[in-house]
Amino acid sequence: MAARVPEMLIAASCSKNFGLYRDRVGCAMVICESAEQHEVVSRNLALLNRLNYSFAPDHGAALVAIILGDKELRAEWETELDEMRDTMLTIRQSLADELRRQCNTDRFDFIASHRGMFSRLGLDKDSVEALRERHAMYVVGDSRINIAGLSGGRHEPFAAAVAKVLAA
């Protein structure tokens, strides 16, 4: 992608992989078209950094280094990560299947092929609002849902609510 555009901003977070949500584990990278732009961007990023925090906490990064540097801890983390990945894939497939069954459409089959903790359902603003107001199902305004929040069979009532909203 970087070869196709003259400028690029890349933000990466490692917080989810290690459960370090409050520790700002990640990075921001910028590709600039010129040395002059690089200077401006560098100054702005430094200013933003100082406004947010003078010194970023390093205990999150230190914790990750400990885990990845120890064979047993790394193996345990990789096992937990594999288990969570499998759980997410199972929830995704179950949700896609249940939405197909409840809504009588393949409209949501894409959920099973997505990866990660979130998916956008492609619902309009009124449907999202109806899910919240009439069915107590929280969905972000752009119809993004937290897949992990649908574990333990919670995908079934969620699919039922989506079906009711779409049928209305």
C-alpha atoms as a PDB file:
ATOM      1  CA  MET A   1       0.000   0.000   0.000  1.00  0.00           C
ATOM      2  CA  ALA A   2       2.832   2.379   0.852  1.00  0.00           C
ATOM      3  CA  ALA A   3       4.142   2.056  -2.716  1.00  0.00           C
ATOM      4  CA  ARG A   4       0.799   3.304  -4.061  1.00  0.00           C
ATOM      5  CA  VAL A   5       0.352   6.492  -2.034  1.00  0.00           C
ATOM      6  CA  PRO A   6       2.770   9.344  -1.325  1.00  0.00           C
ATOM      7  CA  GLU A   7       1.779   9.699   2.326  1.00  0.00           C
ATOM      8  CA  MET A   8       0.457   7.299   4.904  1.00  0.00           C
ATOM      9  CA  LEU A   9      -0.426   7.211   8.579  1.00  0.00           C
ATOM     10  CA  ILE A  10      -0.325   3.800  10.250  1.00  0.00           C
ATOM     11  CA  ALA A  11      -1.521   3.133  13.770  1.00  0.00           C
ATOM     12  CA  ALA A  12      -1.052  -0.243  15.410  1.00  0.00           C
ATOM     13  CA  SER A  13      -2.309  -1.409  18.770  1.00  0.00           C
ATOM     14  CA  CYS A  14      -1.067  -4.407  20.715  1.00  0.00           C
ATOM     15  CA  SER A  15      -3.383  -3.778  23.651  1.00  0.00           C
ATOM     16  CA  LYS A  16      -5.904  -6.503  22.801  1.00  0.00           C
ATOM     17  CA  ASN A  17      -3.323  -9.226  22.192  1.00  0.00           C
ATOM     18  CA  PHE A  18      -1.957  -8.857  25.701  1.00  0.00           C
ATOM     19  CA  GLY A  19      -4.948  -7.406  27.548  1.00  0.00           C
ATOM     20  CA  LEU A  20      -3.120  -4.129  28.167  1.00  0.00           C
ATOM     21  CA  TYR A  21      -5.955  -1.741  27.375  1.00  0.00           C
ATOM     22  CA  ARG A  22      -4.864   1.007  29.759  1.00  0.00           C
ATOM     23  CA  ASP A  23      -1.188   0.866  28.924  1.00  0.00           C
ATOM     24  CA  ARG A  24      -1.067   2.397  25.444  1.00  0.00           C
ATOM     25  CA  VAL A  25       0.905  -0.432  23.880  1.00  0.00           C
ATOM     26  CA  GLY A  26       1.272   0.285  20.170  1.00  0.00           C
ATOM     27  CA  CYS A  27       2.762   2.743  17.755  1.00  0.00           C
ATOM     28  CA  ALA A  28       2.065   5.409  15.169  1.00  0.00           C
ATOM     29  CA  MET A  29       4.072   5.538  11.954  1.00  0.00           C
ATOM     30  CA  VAL A  30       3.997   8.166   9.241  1.00  0.00           C
ATOM     31  CA  ILE A  31       5.341   7.977   5.715  1.00  0.00           C
ATOM     32  CA  CYS A  32       5.931  11.419   4.265  1.00  0.00           C
ATOM     33  CA  GLU A  33       6.444  12.511   0.693  1.00  0.00           C
ATOM     34  CA  SER A  34       9.221  14.962   1.520  1.00  0.00           C
ATOM     35  CA  ALA A  35      11.767  15.851   4.184  1.00  0.00           C
ATOM     36  CA  GLU A  36       9.866  19.096   4.809  1.00  0.00           C
ATOM     37  CA  GLN A  37       6.645  17.210   5.497  1.00  0.00           C
ATOM     38  CA  HIS A  38       8.574  14.824   7.738  1.00  0.00           C
ATOM     39  CA  GLU A  39       9.754  17.756   9.856  1.00  0.00           C
ATOM     40  CA  VAL A  40       6.212  19.143  10.236  1.00  0.00           C
ATOM     41  CA  VAL A  41       4.736  15.732  11.055  1.00  0.00           C
ATOM     42  CA  SER A  42       7.495  14.956  13.548  1.00  0.00           C
ATOM     43  CA  ARG A  43       6.959  18.254  15.359  1.00  0.00           C
ATOM     44  CA  ASN A  44       3.185  17.737  15.465  1.00  0.00           C
ATOM     45  CA  LEU A  45       3.494  14.170  16.747  1.00  0.00           C
ATOM     46  CA  ALA A  46       5.958  15.302  19.413  1.00  0.00           C
ATOM     47  CA  LEU A  47       3.545  18.059  20.493  1.00  0.00           C
ATOM     48  CA  LEU A  48       0.607  15.636  20.632  1.00  0.00           C
ATOM     49  CA  ASN A  49       2.743  13.235  22.631  1.00  0.00           C
ATOM     50  CA  ARG A  50       3.630  15.918  25.159  1.00  0.00           C
ATOM     51  CA  LEU A  51      -0.009  17.026  25.425  1.00  0.00           C
ATOM     52  CA  ASN A  52      -1.184  13.481  26.157  1.00  0.00           C
ATOM     53  CA  TYR A  53       1.632  12.334  28.381  1.00  0.00           C
ATOM     54  CA  SER A  54       5.184  13.355  28.969  1.00  0.00           C
ATOM     55  CA  PHE A  55       6.441   9.830  29.373  1.00  0.00           C
ATOM     56  CA  ALA A  56       4.412   6.928  28.124  1.00  0.00           C
ATOM     57  CA  PRO A  57       4.191   4.121  30.638  1.00  0.00           C
ATOM     58  CA  ASP A  58       6.592   1.347  29.759  1.00  0.00           C
ATOM     59  CA  HIS A  59       5.303  -1.348  32.074  1.00  0.00           C
ATOM     60  CA  GLY A  60       3.018  -2.713  29.319  1.00  0.00           C
ATOM     61  CA  ALA A  61       5.935  -3.083  26.936  1.00  0.00           C
ATOM     62  CA  ALA A  62       8.068  -4.544  29.727  1.00  0.00           C
ATOM     63  CA  LEU A  63       5.358  -7.087  30.504  1.00  0.00           C
ATOM     64  CA  VAL A  64       5.155  -8.117  26.846  1.00  0.00           C
ATOM     65  CA  ALA A  65       8.947  -8.499  26.742  1.00  0.00           C
ATOM     66  CA  ILE A  66       8.818 -10.776  29.798  1.00  0.00           C
ATOM     67  CA  ILE A  67       6.075 -12.949  28.274  1.00  0.00           C
ATOM     68  CA  LEU A  68       7.684 -13.222  24.858  1.00  0.00           C
ATOM     69  CA  GLY A  69      11.154 -13.749  26.341  1.00  0.00           C
ATOM     70  CA  ASP A  70      10.178 -16.733  28.495  1.00  0.00           C
ATOM     71  CA  LYS A  71       9.482 -20.021  26.661  1.00  0.00           C
ATOM     72  CA  GLU A  72       6.854 -21.241  29.121  1.00  0.00           C
ATOM     73  CA  LEU A  73       5.028 -17.924  29.410  1.00  0.00           C
ATOM     74  CA  ARG A  74       5.086 -17.465  25.647  1.00  0.00           C
ATOM     75  CA  ALA A  75       3.685 -20.979  25.120  1.00  0.00           C
ATOM     76  CA  GLU A  76       0.923 -20.285  27.659  1.00  0.00           C
ATOM     77  CA  TRP A  77       0.090 -16.964  25.954  1.00  0.00           C
ATOM     78  CA  GLU A  78       0.056 -18.591  22.506  1.00  0.00           C
ATOM     79  CA  THR A  79      -2.277 -21.323  23.801  1.00  0.00           C
ATOM     80  CA  GLU A  80      -4.627 -18.714  25.274  1.00  0.00           C
ATOM     81  CA  LEU A  81      -4.473 -16.693  22.050  1.00  0.00           C
ATOM     82  CA  ASP A  82      -5.315 -19.799  19.985  1.00  0.00           C
ATOM     83  CA  GLU A  83      -8.218 -20.591  22.309  1.00  0.00           C
ATOM     84  CA  MET A  84      -9.561 -17.044  22.032  1.00  0.00           C
ATOM     85  CA  ARG A  85      -9.164 -17.081  18.241  1.00  0.00           C
ATOM     86  CA  ASP A  86     -11.080 -20.374  18.050  1.00  0.00           C
ATOM     87  CA  THR A  87     -13.755 -19.009  20.371  1.00  0.00           C
ATOM     88  CA  MET A  88     -14.176 -15.912  18.209  1.00  0.00           C
ATOM     89  CA  LEU A  89     -14.436 -18.021  15.048  1.00  0.00           C
ATOM     90  CA  THR A  90     -17.040 -20.263  16.697  1.00  0.00           C
ATOM     91  CA  ILE A  91     -19.087 -17.264  17.855  1.00  0.00           C
ATOM     92  CA  ARG A  92     -18.865 -15.737  14.376  1.00  0.00           C
ATOM     93  CA  GLN A  93     -20.074 -18.932  12.707  1.00  0.00           C
ATOM     94  CA  SER A  94     -22.848 -19.407  15.267  1.00  0.00           C
ATOM     95  CA  LEU A  95     -23.996 -15.813  14.844  1.00  0.00           C
ATOM     96  CA  ALA A  96     -23.974 -16.038  11.042  1.00  0.00           C
ATOM     97  CA  ASP A  97     -25.924 -19.304  11.194  1.00  0.00           C
ATOM     98  CA  GLU A  98     -28.454 -17.920  13.664  1.00  0.00           C
ATOM     99  CA  LEU A  99     -28.950 -14.708  11.668  1.00  0.00           C
ATOM    100  CA  ARG A 100     -29.491 -16.812   8.532  1.00  0.00           C
ATOM    101  CA  ARG A 101     -32.072 -18.913  10.389  1.00  0.00           C
ATOM    102  CA  GLN A 102     -33.869 -16.056  12.167  1.00  0.00           C
ATOM    103  CA  CYS A 103     -33.785 -13.564   9.277  1.00  0.00           C
ATOM    104  CA  ASN A 104     -34.221 -16.154   6.506  1.00  0.00           C
ATOM    105  CA  THR A 105     -31.466 -14.548   4.451  1.00  0.00           C
ATOM    106  CA  ASP A 106     -27.778 -14.996   3.699  1.00  0.00           C
ATOM    107  CA  ARG A 107     -27.269 -11.244   4.145  1.00  0.00           C
ATOM    108  CA  PHE A 108     -25.105 -11.777   7.238  1.00  0.00           C
ATOM    109  CA  ASP A 109     -23.070 -14.783   6.100  1.00  0.00           C
ATOM    110  CA  PHE A 110     -20.017 -12.526   5.758  1.00  0.00           C
ATOM    111  CA  ILE A 111     -19.714 -12.438   9.552  1.00  0.00           C
ATOM    112  CA  ALA A 112     -18.377 -15.999   9.566  1.00  0.00           C
ATOM    113  CA  SER A 113     -15.499 -15.086   7.255  1.00  0.00           C
ATOM    114  CA  HIS A 114     -14.459 -11.927   9.096  1.00  0.00           C
ATOM    115  CA  ARG A 115     -11.758 -12.019  11.757  1.00  0.00           C
ATOM    116  CA  GLY A 116     -11.277 -10.103  14.977  1.00  0.00           C
ATOM    117  CA  MET A 117     -13.485  -8.865  17.766  1.00  0.00           C
ATOM    118  CA  PHE A 118     -15.752  -6.573  15.748  1.00  0.00           C
ATOM    119  CA  SER A 119     -17.963  -6.617  12.664  1.00  0.00           C
ATOM    120  CA  ARG A 120     -20.267  -4.112  11.043  1.00  0.00           C
ATOM    121  CA  LEU A 121     -23.693  -5.499  10.237  1.00  0.00           C
ATOM    122  CA  GLY A 122     -24.518  -2.947   7.552  1.00  0.00           C
ATOM    123  CA  LEU A 123     -27.681  -1.823   9.323  1.00  0.00           C
ATOM    124  CA  ASP A 124     -29.062   1.661   8.851  1.00  0.00           C
ATOM    125  CA  LYS A 125     -29.310   4.227  11.633  1.00  0.00           C
ATOM    126  CA  ASP A 126     -32.988   3.483  12.338  1.00  0.00           C
ATOM    127  CA  SER A 127     -32.327  -0.247  12.726  1.00  0.00           C
ATOM    128  CA  VAL A 128     -29.425   0.407  15.087  1.00  0.00           C
ATOM    129  CA  GLU A 129     -31.606   2.724  17.150  1.00  0.00           C
ATOM    130  CA  ALA A 130     -34.423   0.158  17.219  1.00  0.00           C
ATOM    131  CA  LEU A 131     -32.027  -2.529  18.455  1.00  0.00           C
ATOM    132  CA  ARG A 132     -31.015  -0.243  21.304  1.00  0.00           C
ATOM    133  CA  GLU A 133     -34.379   1.254  22.207  1.00  0.00           C
ATOM    134  CA  ARG A 134     -36.739  -1.686  21.649  1.00  0.00           C
ATOM    135  CA  HIS A 135     -34.497  -4.669  22.324  1.00  0.00           C
ATOM    136  CA  ALA A 136     -31.773  -3.375  24.697  1.00  0.00           C
ATOM    137  CA  MET A 137     -29.068  -4.545  22.281  1.00  0.00           C
ATOM    138  CA  TYR A 138     -26.160  -2.138  22.143  1.00  0.00           C
ATOM    139  CA  VAL A 139     -24.784  -1.566  18.663  1.00  0.00           C
ATOM    140  CA  VAL A 140     -22.475   1.300  17.728  1.00  0.00           C
ATOM    141  CA  GLY A 141     -24.019   3.878  15.373  1.00  0.00           C
ATOM    142  CA  ASP A 142     -22.302   2.475  12.284  1.00  0.00           C
ATOM    143  CA  SER A 143     -23.747  -0.981  13.189  1.00  0.00           C
ATOM    144  CA  ARG A 144     -20.500  -2.282  14.649  1.00  0.00           C
ATOM    145  CA  ILE A 145     -20.919  -5.121  17.121  1.00  0.00           C
ATOM    146  CA  ASN A 146     -18.532  -6.717  19.578  1.00  0.00           C
ATOM    147  CA  ILE A 147     -18.400 -10.380  18.617  1.00  0.00           C
ATOM    148  CA  ALA A 148     -16.859 -11.368  21.955  1.00  0.00           C
ATOM    149  CA  GLY A 149     -19.911  -9.932  23.701  1.00  0.00           C
ATOM    150  CA  LEU A 150     -22.072 -12.592  22.031  1.00  0.00           C
ATOM    151  CA  SER A 151     -20.441 -15.585  23.707  1.00  0.00           C
ATOM    152  CA  GLY A 152     -22.307 -18.044  25.876  1.00  0.00           C
ATOM    153  CA  GLY A 153     -25.364 -18.260  23.646  1.00  0.00           C
ATOM    154  CA  ARG A 154     -26.003 -14.513  23.610  1.00  0.00           C
ATOM    155  CA  HIS A 155     -25.898 -14.615  19.802  1.00  0.00           C
ATOM    156  CA  GLU A 156     -29.374 -16.198  19.715  1.00  0.00           C
ATOM    157  CA  PRO A 157     -31.349 -13.359  21.367  1.00  0.00           C
ATOM    158  CA  PHE A 158     -29.258 -10.866  19.433  1.00  0.00           C
ATOM    159  CA  ALA A 159     -30.152 -12.551  16.127  1.00  0.00           C
ATOM    160  CA  ALA A 160     -33.808 -12.634  17.179  1.00  0.00           C
ATOM    161  CA  ALA A 161     -33.727  -8.888  17.858  1.00  0.00           C
ATOM    162  CA  VAL A 162     -32.087  -8.189  14.486  1.00  0.00           C
ATOM    163  CA  ALA A 163     -34.744 -10.307  12.775  1.00  0.00           C
ATOM    164  CA  LYS A 164     -37.550  -8.401  14.529  1.00  0.00           C
ATOM    165  CA  VAL A 165     -36.027  -5.033  13.615  1.00  0.00           C
ATOM    166  CA  LEU A 166     -35.589  -5.998   9.985  1.00  0.00           C
ATOM    167  CA  ALA A 167     -39.134  -7.399   9.775  1.00  0.00           C
ATOM    168  CA  ALA A 168     -40.681  -4.191  11.163  1.00  0.00           C
END
